[in-house]
Amino acid sequence: MVKAFIKRRVPSDTARDMIPLFRKMRNLAMQQHGYISGETLRNMDQEDEYLVVSTWNSAKDWQRWLESKERQAVQKEIDDLLGGKTEYSLYHTGFSE
């Protein structure tokens, strides 16, 4: 199992416009093979920083979703609104080889 950490800076003046895109992304992800769960966290010290934790059966499942055309289309809309790039980190759960 893997967890993808997706970090974004969302200025307060664009936060409302981002909600439908974040929902769309989550709904699309939930339909993907290997998707387990996801949650969105907001940094209490830096209120414009959001972290999505997305759990997948395997790195291959995550990579397939990351590279999918439908995800890339929504991600482009998000990046265009934010004026920057989204940061990604992928972690295995527990101790694994």
PDB file of N, CA and C in Angstrom:
ATOM      1  N   MET A   1       0.844  -1.168   0.000  1.00  0.00           N
ATOM      2  CA  MET A   1       0.000   0.000   0.000  1.00  0.00           C
ATOM      3  C   MET A   1       0.895   1.240   0.000  1.00  0.00           C
ATOM      4  N   VAL A   2       0.436   2.289  -0.690  1.00  0.00           N
ATOM      5  CA  VAL A   2       1.185   3.545  -0.743  1.00  0.00           C
ATOM      6  C   VAL A   2       0.267   4.711  -0.411  1.00  0.00           C
ATOM      7  N   LYS A   3       0.903   5.788   0.037  1.00  0.00           N
ATOM      8  CA  LYS A   3       0.185   7.033   0.286  1.00  0.00           C
ATOM      9  C   LYS A   3       0.838   8.131  -0.539  1.00  0.00           C
ATOM     10  N   ALA A   4       0.010   8.840  -1.286  1.00  0.00           N
ATOM     11  CA  ALA A   4       0.471   9.991  -2.051  1.00  0.00           C
ATOM     12  C   ALA A   4       0.123  11.244  -1.257  1.00  0.00           C
ATOM     13  N   PHE A   5       1.129  12.095  -1.041  1.00  0.00           N
ATOM     14  CA  PHE A   5       0.930  13.366  -0.355  1.00  0.00           C
ATOM     15  C   PHE A   5       0.971  14.457  -1.420  1.00  0.00           C
ATOM     16  N   ILE A   6      -0.107  15.200  -1.516  1.00  0.00           N
ATOM     17  CA  ILE A   6      -0.277  16.198  -2.569  1.00  0.00           C
ATOM     18  C   ILE A   6      -0.430  17.555  -1.890  1.00  0.00           C
ATOM     19  N   LYS A   7       0.575  18.413  -2.060  1.00  0.00           N
ATOM     20  CA  LYS A   7       0.579  19.706  -1.366  1.00  0.00           C
ATOM     21  C   LYS A   7       0.311  20.833  -2.354  1.00  0.00           C
ATOM     22  N   ARG A   8      -0.597  21.724  -1.930  1.00  0.00           N
ATOM     23  CA  ARG A   8      -0.949  22.882  -2.755  1.00  0.00           C
ATOM     24  C   ARG A   8      -1.055  24.123  -1.878  1.00  0.00           C
ATOM     25  N   ARG A   9      -0.714  25.247  -2.461  1.00  0.00           N
ATOM     26  CA  ARG A   9      -0.946  26.554  -1.840  1.00  0.00           C
ATOM     27  C   ARG A   9      -2.199  27.124  -2.502  1.00  0.00           C
ATOM     28  N   VAL A  10      -3.203  27.415  -1.699  1.00  0.00           N
ATOM     29  CA  VAL A  10      -4.480  27.911  -2.216  1.00  0.00           C
ATOM     30  C   VAL A  10      -4.757  29.277  -1.588  1.00  0.00           C
ATOM     31  N   PRO A  11      -4.501  30.352  -2.331  1.00  0.00           N
ATOM     32  CA  PRO A  11      -4.779  31.690  -1.798  1.00  0.00           C
ATOM     33  C   PRO A  11      -6.266  31.827  -1.449  1.00  0.00           C
ATOM     34  N   SER A  12      -6.558  32.587  -0.406  1.00  0.00           N
ATOM     35  CA  SER A  12      -7.941  32.713   0.062  1.00  0.00           C
ATOM     36  C   SER A  12      -8.878  33.245  -1.018  1.00  0.00           C
ATOM     37  N   ASP A  13      -8.375  34.073  -1.933  1.00  0.00           N
ATOM     38  CA  ASP A  13      -9.249  34.622  -2.971  1.00  0.00           C
ATOM     39  C   ASP A  13      -9.597  33.611  -4.064  1.00  0.00           C
ATOM     40  N   THR A  14      -8.930  32.459  -4.106  1.00  0.00           N
ATOM     41  CA  THR A  14      -9.271  31.431  -5.100  1.00  0.00           C
ATOM     42  C   THR A  14      -9.848  30.166  -4.464  1.00  0.00           C
ATOM     43  N   ALA A  15      -9.883  30.112  -3.139  1.00  0.00           N
ATOM     44  CA  ALA A  15     -10.321  28.893  -2.444  1.00  0.00           C
ATOM     45  C   ALA A  15     -11.724  28.468  -2.868  1.00  0.00           C
ATOM     46  N   ARG A  16     -12.640  29.392  -2.962  1.00  0.00           N
ATOM     47  CA  ARG A  16     -14.019  29.056  -3.330  1.00  0.00           C
ATOM     48  C   ARG A  16     -14.090  28.462  -4.741  1.00  0.00           C
ATOM     49  N   ASP A  17     -13.287  28.971  -5.660  1.00  0.00           N
ATOM     50  CA  ASP A  17     -13.266  28.454  -7.033  1.00  0.00           C
ATOM     51  C   ASP A  17     -12.643  27.066  -7.112  1.00  0.00           C
ATOM     52  N   MET A  18     -11.822  26.734  -6.130  1.00  0.00           N
ATOM     53  CA  MET A  18     -11.128  25.444  -6.143  1.00  0.00           C
ATOM     54  C   MET A  18     -12.012  24.287  -5.685  1.00  0.00           C
ATOM     55  N   ILE A  19     -13.001  24.560  -4.860  1.00  0.00           N
ATOM     56  CA  ILE A  19     -13.816  23.494  -4.273  1.00  0.00           C
ATOM     57  C   ILE A  19     -14.407  22.558  -5.324  1.00  0.00           C
ATOM     58  N   PRO A  20     -15.050  23.062  -6.388  1.00  0.00           N
ATOM     59  CA  PRO A  20     -15.602  22.134  -7.386  1.00  0.00           C
ATOM     60  C   PRO A  20     -14.526  21.294  -8.078  1.00  0.00           C
ATOM     61  N   LEU A  21     -13.349  21.872  -8.287  1.00  0.00           N
ATOM     62  CA  LEU A  21     -12.267  21.120  -8.928  1.00  0.00           C
ATOM     63  C   LEU A  21     -11.735  20.035  -8.000  1.00  0.00           C
ATOM     64  N   PHE A  22     -11.595  20.343  -6.725  1.00  0.00           N
ATOM     65  CA  PHE A  22     -11.141  19.333  -5.767  1.00  0.00           C
ATOM     66  C   PHE A  22     -12.157  18.200  -5.657  1.00  0.00           C
ATOM     67  N   ARG A  23     -13.438  18.545  -5.657  1.00  0.00           N
ATOM     68  CA  ARG A  23     -14.486  17.509  -5.606  1.00  0.00           C
ATOM     69  C   ARG A  23     -14.457  16.644  -6.861  1.00  0.00           C
ATOM     70  N   LYS A  24     -14.280  17.287  -7.997  1.00  0.00           N
ATOM     71  CA  LYS A  24     -14.214  16.545  -9.258  1.00  0.00           C
ATOM     72  C   LYS A  24     -13.035  15.581  -9.242  1.00  0.00           C
ATOM     73  N   MET A  25     -11.887  16.058  -8.788  1.00  0.00           N
ATOM     74  CA  MET A  25     -10.694  15.216  -8.722  1.00  0.00           C
ATOM     75  C   MET A  25     -10.932  14.028  -7.799  1.00  0.00           C
ATOM     76  N   ARG A  26     -11.509  14.274  -6.627  1.00  0.00           N
ATOM     77  CA  ARG A  26     -11.776  13.192  -5.667  1.00  0.00           C
ATOM     78  C   ARG A  26     -12.765  12.185  -6.257  1.00  0.00           C
ATOM     79  N   ASN A  27     -13.834  12.665  -6.886  1.00  0.00           N
ATOM     80  CA  ASN A  27     -14.820  11.755  -7.478  1.00  0.00           C
ATOM     81  C   ASN A  27     -14.203  10.893  -8.569  1.00  0.00           C
ATOM     82  N   LEU A  28     -13.359  11.472  -9.387  1.00  0.00           N
ATOM     83  CA  LEU A  28     -12.674  10.699 -10.430  1.00  0.00           C
ATOM     84  C   LEU A  28     -11.722   9.683  -9.813  1.00  0.00           C
ATOM     85  N   ALA A  29     -10.988  10.092  -8.786  1.00  0.00           N
ATOM     86  CA  ALA A  29     -10.038   9.183  -8.130  1.00  0.00           C
ATOM     87  C   ALA A  29     -10.761   7.984  -7.535  1.00  0.00           C
ATOM     88  N   MET A  30     -11.920   8.216  -6.935  1.00  0.00           N
ATOM     89  CA  MET A  30     -12.667   7.140  -6.285  1.00  0.00           C
ATOM     90  C   MET A  30     -13.091   6.047  -7.267  1.00  0.00           C
ATOM     91  N   GLN A  31     -13.122   6.368  -8.540  1.00  0.00           N
ATOM     92  CA  GLN A  31     -13.518   5.399  -9.560  1.00  0.00           C
ATOM     93  C   GLN A  31     -12.332   4.606 -10.117  1.00  0.00           C
ATOM     94  N   GLN A  32     -11.124   4.923  -9.678  1.00  0.00           N
ATOM     95  CA  GLN A  32      -9.923   4.311 -10.234  1.00  0.00           C
ATOM     96  C   GLN A  32      -9.578   3.000  -9.539  1.00  0.00           C
ATOM     97  N   HIS A  33      -9.034   2.084 -10.331  1.00  0.00           N
ATOM     98  CA  HIS A  33      -8.566   0.811  -9.793  1.00  0.00           C
ATOM     99  C   HIS A  33      -7.452   1.074  -8.779  1.00  0.00           C
ATOM    100  N   GLY A  34      -7.569   0.488  -7.609  1.00  0.00           N
ATOM    101  CA  GLY A  34      -6.525   0.615  -6.603  1.00  0.00           C
ATOM    102  C   GLY A  34      -6.708   1.741  -5.615  1.00  0.00           C
ATOM    103  N   TYR A  35      -7.685   2.614  -5.847  1.00  0.00           N
ATOM    104  CA  TYR A  35      -7.925   3.719  -4.912  1.00  0.00           C
ATOM    105  C   TYR A  35      -8.530   3.165  -3.630  1.00  0.00           C
ATOM    106  N   ILE A  36      -8.010   3.592  -2.486  1.00  0.00           N
ATOM    107  CA  ILE A  36      -8.536   3.148  -1.196  1.00  0.00           C
ATOM    108  C   ILE A  36      -9.254   4.286  -0.475  1.00  0.00           C
ATOM    109  N   SER A  37      -8.561   5.412  -0.308  1.00  0.00           N
ATOM    110  CA  SER A  37      -9.173   6.521   0.428  1.00  0.00           C
ATOM    111  C   SER A  37      -8.419   7.814   0.161  1.00  0.00           C
ATOM    112  N   GLY A  38      -9.012   8.900   0.629  1.00  0.00           N
ATOM    113  CA  GLY A  38      -8.361  10.199   0.524  1.00  0.00           C
ATOM    114  C   GLY A  38      -8.926  11.151   1.554  1.00  0.00           C
ATOM    115  N   GLU A  39      -8.100  12.079   1.977  1.00  0.00           N
ATOM    116  CA  GLU A  39      -8.564  13.124   2.882  1.00  0.00           C
ATOM    117  C   GLU A  39      -7.785  14.397   2.593  1.00  0.00           C
ATOM    118  N   THR A  40      -8.425  15.521   2.872  1.00  0.00           N
ATOM    119  CA  THR A  40      -7.799  16.816   2.655  1.00  0.00           C
ATOM    120  C   THR A  40      -7.578  17.485   4.004  1.00  0.00           C
ATOM    121  N   LEU A  41      -6.352  17.944   4.215  1.00  0.00           N
ATOM    122  CA  LEU A  41      -5.966  18.603   5.461  1.00  0.00           C
ATOM    123  C   LEU A  41      -5.554  20.043   5.166  1.00  0.00           C
ATOM    124  N   ARG A  42      -5.823  20.920   6.121  1.00  0.00           N
ATOM    125  CA  ARG A  42      -5.422  22.321   5.988  1.00  0.00           C
ATOM    126  C   ARG A  42      -4.464  22.655   7.119  1.00  0.00           C
ATOM    127  N   ASN A  43      -3.332  23.236   6.770  1.00  0.00           N
ATOM    128  CA  ASN A  43      -2.307  23.601   7.745  1.00  0.00           C
ATOM    129  C   ASN A  43      -2.846  24.694   8.679  1.00  0.00           C
ATOM    130  N   MET A  44      -2.759  24.445   9.966  1.00  0.00           N
ATOM    131  CA  MET A  44      -3.276  25.411  10.942  1.00  0.00           C
ATOM    132  C   MET A  44      -2.381  26.637  11.081  1.00  0.00           C
ATOM    133  N   ASP A  45      -1.104  26.499  10.760  1.00  0.00           N
ATOM    134  CA  ASP A  45      -0.173  27.621  10.878  1.00  0.00           C
ATOM    135  C   ASP A  45      -0.042  28.417   9.586  1.00  0.00           C
ATOM    136  N   GLN A  46      -0.287  27.759   8.460  1.00  0.00           N
ATOM    137  CA  GLN A  46      -0.236  28.413   7.145  1.00  0.00           C
ATOM    138  C   GLN A  46      -1.542  28.073   6.438  1.00  0.00           C
ATOM    139  N   GLU A  47      -2.550  28.893   6.633  1.00  0.00           N
ATOM    140  CA  GLU A  47      -3.903  28.559   6.206  1.00  0.00           C
ATOM    141  C   GLU A  47      -4.082  28.416   4.704  1.00  0.00           C
ATOM    142  N   ASP A  48      -3.114  28.848   3.907  1.00  0.00           N
ATOM    143  CA  ASP A  48      -3.230  28.675   2.458  1.00  0.00           C
ATOM    144  C   ASP A  48      -2.630  27.350   1.988  1.00  0.00           C
ATOM    145  N   GLU A  49      -2.093  26.553   2.910  1.00  0.00           N
ATOM    146  CA  GLU A  49      -1.463  25.280   2.545  1.00  0.00           C
ATOM    147  C   GLU A  49      -2.420  24.116   2.818  1.00  0.00           C
ATOM    148  N   TYR A  50      -2.659  23.335   1.766  1.00  0.00           N
ATOM    149  CA  TYR A  50      -3.520  22.158   1.855  1.00  0.00           C
ATOM    150  C   TYR A  50      -2.704  20.925   1.518  1.00  0.00           C
ATOM    151  N   LEU A  51      -3.017  19.833   2.197  1.00  0.00           N
ATOM    152  CA  LEU A  51      -2.350  18.565   1.952  1.00  0.00           C
ATOM    153  C   LEU A  51      -3.416  17.497   1.748  1.00  0.00           C
ATOM    154  N   VAL A  52      -3.386  16.862   0.591  1.00  0.00           N
ATOM    155  CA  VAL A  52      -4.276  15.734   0.319  1.00  0.00           C
ATOM    156  C   VAL A  52      -3.473  14.468   0.560  1.00  0.00           C
ATOM    157  N   VAL A  53      -4.035  13.552   1.338  1.00  0.00           N
ATOM    158  CA  VAL A  53      -3.418  12.250   1.576  1.00  0.00           C
ATOM    159  C   VAL A  53      -4.293  11.232   0.862  1.00  0.00           C
ATOM    160  N   SER A  54      -3.732  10.612  -0.158  1.00  0.00           N
ATOM    161  CA  SER A  54      -4.464   9.676  -1.006  1.00  0.00           C
ATOM    162  C   SER A  54      -3.828   8.296  -0.868  1.00  0.00           C
ATOM    163  N   THR A  55      -4.622   7.288  -0.515  1.00  0.00           N
ATOM    164  CA  THR A  55      -4.111   5.946  -0.263  1.00  0.00           C
ATOM    165  C   THR A  55      -4.485   5.022  -1.417  1.00  0.00           C
ATOM    166  N   TRP A  56      -3.482   4.256  -1.876  1.00  0.00           N
ATOM    167  CA  TRP A  56      -3.634   3.378  -3.045  1.00  0.00           C
ATOM    168  C   TRP A  56      -3.083   1.992  -2.739  1.00  0.00           C
ATOM    169  N   ASN A  57      -3.607   0.997  -3.438  1.00  0.00           N
ATOM    170  CA  ASN A  57      -3.122  -0.378  -3.258  1.00  0.00           C
ATOM    171  C   ASN A  57      -1.655  -0.517  -3.619  1.00  0.00           C
ATOM    172  N   SER A  58      -1.223   0.186  -4.669  1.00  0.00           N
ATOM    173  CA  SER A  58       0.159   0.043  -5.135  1.00  0.00           C
ATOM    174  C   SER A  58       0.638   1.332  -5.784  1.00  0.00           C
ATOM    175  N   ALA A  59       1.954   1.453  -5.900  1.00  0.00           N
ATOM    176  CA  ALA A  59       2.543   2.598  -6.596  1.00  0.00           C
ATOM    177  C   ALA A  59       2.118   2.598  -8.059  1.00  0.00           C
ATOM    178  N   LYS A  60       1.954   1.421  -8.625  1.00  0.00           N
ATOM    179  CA  LYS A  60       1.527   1.309 -10.026  1.00  0.00           C
ATOM    180  C   LYS A  60       0.117   1.885 -10.209  1.00  0.00           C
ATOM    181  N   ASP A  61      -0.785   1.590  -9.265  1.00  0.00           N
ATOM    182  CA  ASP A  61      -2.144   2.148  -9.340  1.00  0.00           C
ATOM    183  C   ASP A  61      -2.110   3.670  -9.259  1.00  0.00           C
ATOM    184  N   TRP A  62      -1.316   4.200  -8.333  1.00  0.00           N
ATOM    185  CA  TRP A  62      -1.188   5.652  -8.201  1.00  0.00           C
ATOM    186  C   TRP A  62      -0.612   6.256  -9.473  1.00  0.00           C
ATOM    187  N   GLN A  63       0.436   5.660 -10.003  1.00  0.00           N
ATOM    188  CA  GLN A  63       1.090   6.190 -11.198  1.00  0.00           C
ATOM    189  C   GLN A  63       0.133   6.207 -12.389  1.00  0.00           C
ATOM    190  N   ARG A  64      -0.663   5.150 -12.508  1.00  0.00           N
ATOM    191  CA  ARG A  64      -1.647   5.075 -13.599  1.00  0.00           C
ATOM    192  C   ARG A  64      -2.632   6.241 -13.487  1.00  0.00           C
ATOM    193  N   TRP A  65      -3.098   6.506 -12.281  1.00  0.00           N
ATOM    194  CA  TRP A  65      -4.022   7.620 -12.055  1.00  0.00           C
ATOM    195  C   TRP A  65      -3.323   8.955 -12.287  1.00  0.00           C
ATOM    196  N   LEU A  66      -2.122   9.127 -11.778  1.00  0.00           N
ATOM    197  CA  LEU A  66      -1.374  10.372 -11.933  1.00  0.00           C
ATOM    198  C   LEU A  66      -1.185  10.732 -13.404  1.00  0.00           C
ATOM    199  N   GLU A  67      -0.943   9.729 -14.234  1.00  0.00           N
ATOM    200  CA  GLU A  67      -0.662   9.955 -15.653  1.00  0.00           C
ATOM    201  C   GLU A  67      -1.905   9.932 -16.537  1.00  0.00           C
ATOM    202  N   SER A  68      -3.075   9.658 -15.970  1.00  0.00           N
ATOM    203  CA  SER A  68      -4.295   9.552 -16.783  1.00  0.00           C
ATOM    204  C   SER A  68      -4.670  10.910 -17.378  1.00  0.00           C
ATOM    205  N   LYS A  69      -5.251  10.866 -18.562  1.00  0.00           N
ATOM    206  CA  LYS A  69      -5.645  12.096 -19.253  1.00  0.00           C
ATOM    207  C   LYS A  69      -6.712  12.859 -18.470  1.00  0.00           C
ATOM    208  N   GLU A  70      -7.673  12.128 -17.868  1.00  0.00           N
ATOM    209  CA  GLU A  70      -8.733  12.824 -17.140  1.00  0.00           C
ATOM    210  C   GLU A  70      -8.186  13.541 -15.904  1.00  0.00           C
ATOM    211  N   ARG A  71      -7.222  12.927 -15.219  1.00  0.00           N
ATOM    212  CA  ARG A  71      -6.624  13.588 -14.061  1.00  0.00           C
ATOM    213  C   ARG A  71      -5.789  14.789 -14.494  1.00  0.00           C
ATOM    214  N   GLN A  72      -5.017  14.615 -15.540  1.00  0.00           N
ATOM    215  CA  GLN A  72      -4.167  15.707 -16.011  1.00  0.00           C
ATOM    216  C   GLN A  72      -4.989  16.919 -16.441  1.00  0.00           C
ATOM    217  N   ALA A  73      -6.174  16.676 -17.010  1.00  0.00           N
ATOM    218  CA  ALA A  73      -7.032  17.788 -17.433  1.00  0.00           C
ATOM    219  C   ALA A  73      -7.509  18.600 -16.224  1.00  0.00           C
ATOM    220  N   VAL A  74      -7.959  17.913 -15.176  1.00  0.00           N
ATOM    221  CA  VAL A  74      -8.409  18.617 -13.968  1.00  0.00           C
ATOM    222  C   VAL A  74      -7.220  19.277 -13.275  1.00  0.00           C
ATOM    223  N   GLN A  75      -6.082  18.593 -13.245  1.00  0.00           N
ATOM    224  CA  GLN A  75      -4.890  19.155 -12.605  1.00  0.00           C
ATOM    225  C   GLN A  75      -4.450  20.438 -13.299  1.00  0.00           C
ATOM    226  N   LYS A  76      -4.567  20.482 -14.610  1.00  0.00           N
ATOM    227  CA  LYS A  76      -4.209  21.697 -15.348  1.00  0.00           C
ATOM    228  C   LYS A  76      -5.109  22.864 -14.931  1.00  0.00           C
ATOM    229  N   GLU A  77      -6.401  22.597 -14.787  1.00  0.00           N
ATOM    230  CA  GLU A  77      -7.322  23.642 -14.326  1.00  0.00           C
ATOM    231  C   GLU A  77      -6.922  24.138 -12.933  1.00  0.00           C
ATOM    232  N   ILE A  78      -6.571  23.207 -12.059  1.00  0.00           N
ATOM    233  CA  ILE A  78      -6.157  23.566 -10.698  1.00  0.00           C
ATOM    234  C   ILE A  78      -4.888  24.413 -10.736  1.00  0.00           C
ATOM    235  N   ASP A  79      -3.879  23.946 -11.466  1.00  0.00           N
ATOM    236  CA  ASP A  79      -2.613  24.681 -11.541  1.00  0.00           C
ATOM    237  C   ASP A  79      -2.801  26.059 -12.164  1.00  0.00           C
ATOM    238  N   ASP A  80      -3.672  26.148 -13.176  1.00  0.00           N
ATOM    239  CA  ASP A  80      -3.926  27.447 -13.804  1.00  0.00           C
ATOM    240  C   ASP A  80      -4.551  28.428 -12.809  1.00  0.00           C
ATOM    241  N   LEU A  81      -5.499  27.954 -12.009  1.00  0.00           N
ATOM    242  CA  LEU A  81      -6.134  28.822 -11.007  1.00  0.00           C
ATOM    243  C   LEU A  81      -5.167  29.216  -9.898  1.00  0.00           C
ATOM    244  N   LEU A  82      -4.310  28.272  -9.513  1.00  0.00           N
ATOM    245  CA  LEU A  82      -3.374  28.536  -8.421  1.00  0.00           C
ATOM    246  C   LEU A  82      -2.161  29.329  -8.875  1.00  0.00           C
ATOM    247  N   GLY A  83      -1.886  29.294 -10.167  1.00  0.00           N
ATOM    248  CA  GLY A  83      -0.716  29.990 -10.675  1.00  0.00           C
ATOM    249  C   GLY A  83       0.588  29.330 -10.282  1.00  0.00           C
ATOM    250  N   GLY A  84       0.541  28.039 -10.023  1.00  0.00           N
ATOM    251  CA  GLY A  84       1.751  27.312  -9.629  1.00  0.00           C
ATOM    252  C   GLY A  84       1.561  25.827  -9.805  1.00  0.00           C
ATOM    253  N   LYS A  85       2.557  25.089  -9.421  1.00  0.00           N
ATOM    254  CA  LYS A  85       2.529  23.636  -9.564  1.00  0.00           C
ATOM    255  C   LYS A  85       2.195  22.969  -8.240  1.00  0.00           C
ATOM    256  N   THR A  86       1.579  21.820  -8.354  1.00  0.00           N
ATOM    257  CA  THR A  86       1.264  20.984  -7.206  1.00  0.00           C
ATOM    258  C   THR A  86       2.474  20.110  -6.899  1.00  0.00           C
ATOM    259  N   GLU A  87       2.761  19.917  -5.608  1.00  0.00           N
ATOM    260  CA  GLU A  87       3.891  19.073  -5.189  1.00  0.00           C
ATOM    261  C   GLU A  87       3.378  17.688  -4.799  1.00  0.00           C
ATOM    262  N   TYR A  88       4.133  16.652  -5.200  1.00  0.00           N
ATOM    263  CA  TYR A  88       3.754  15.268  -4.909  1.00  0.00           C
ATOM    264  C   TYR A  88       4.894  14.537  -4.208  1.00  0.00           C
ATOM    265  N   SER A  89       4.526  13.689  -3.243  1.00  0.00           N
ATOM    266  CA  SER A  89       5.469  12.765  -2.609  1.00  0.00           C
ATOM    267  C   SER A  89       4.732  11.447  -2.434  1.00  0.00           C
ATOM    268  N   LEU A  90       5.424  10.336  -2.679  1.00  0.00           N
ATOM    269  CA  LEU A  90       4.812   9.014  -2.567  1.00  0.00           C
ATOM    270  C   LEU A  90       5.564   8.209  -1.519  1.00  0.00           C
ATOM    271  N   TYR A  91       4.821   7.596  -0.596  1.00  0.00           N
ATOM    272  CA  TYR A  91       5.410   6.821   0.496  1.00  0.00           C
ATOM    273  C   TYR A  91       4.788   5.436   0.555  1.00  0.00           C
ATOM    274  N   HIS A  92       5.630   4.423   0.838  1.00  0.00           N
ATOM    275  CA  HIS A  92       5.123   3.091   1.171  1.00  0.00           C
ATOM    276  C   HIS A  92       4.657   3.137   2.613  1.00  0.00           C
ATOM    277  N   THR A  93       3.636   2.353   2.932  1.00  0.00           N
ATOM    278  CA  THR A  93       3.212   2.280   4.330  1.00  0.00           C
ATOM    279  C   THR A  93       4.062   1.250   5.063  1.00  0.00           C
ATOM    280  N   GLY A  94       4.388   1.544   6.298  1.00  0.00           N
ATOM    281  CA  GLY A  94       5.168   0.619   7.114  1.00  0.00           C
ATOM    282  C   GLY A  94       6.580   0.429   6.597  1.00  0.00           C
ATOM    283  N   PHE A  95       7.197  -0.632   7.056  1.00  0.00           N
ATOM    284  CA  PHE A  95       8.548  -0.978   6.620  1.00  0.00           C
ATOM    285  C   PHE A  95       8.431  -1.982   5.488  1.00  0.00           C
ATOM    286  N   SER A  96       8.947  -1.628   4.328  1.00  0.00           N
ATOM    287  CA  SER A  96       8.897  -2.543   3.188  1.00  0.00           C
ATOM    288  C   SER A  96      10.183  -2.419   2.397  1.00  0.00           C
ATOM    289  N   GLU A  97      10.429  -3.418   1.593  1.00  0.00           N
ATOM    290  CA  GLU A  97      11.656  -3.433   0.789  1.00  0.00           C
ATOM    291  C   GLU A  97      11.445  -2.731  -0.520  1.00  0.00           C
TER     292      GLU A  97
END
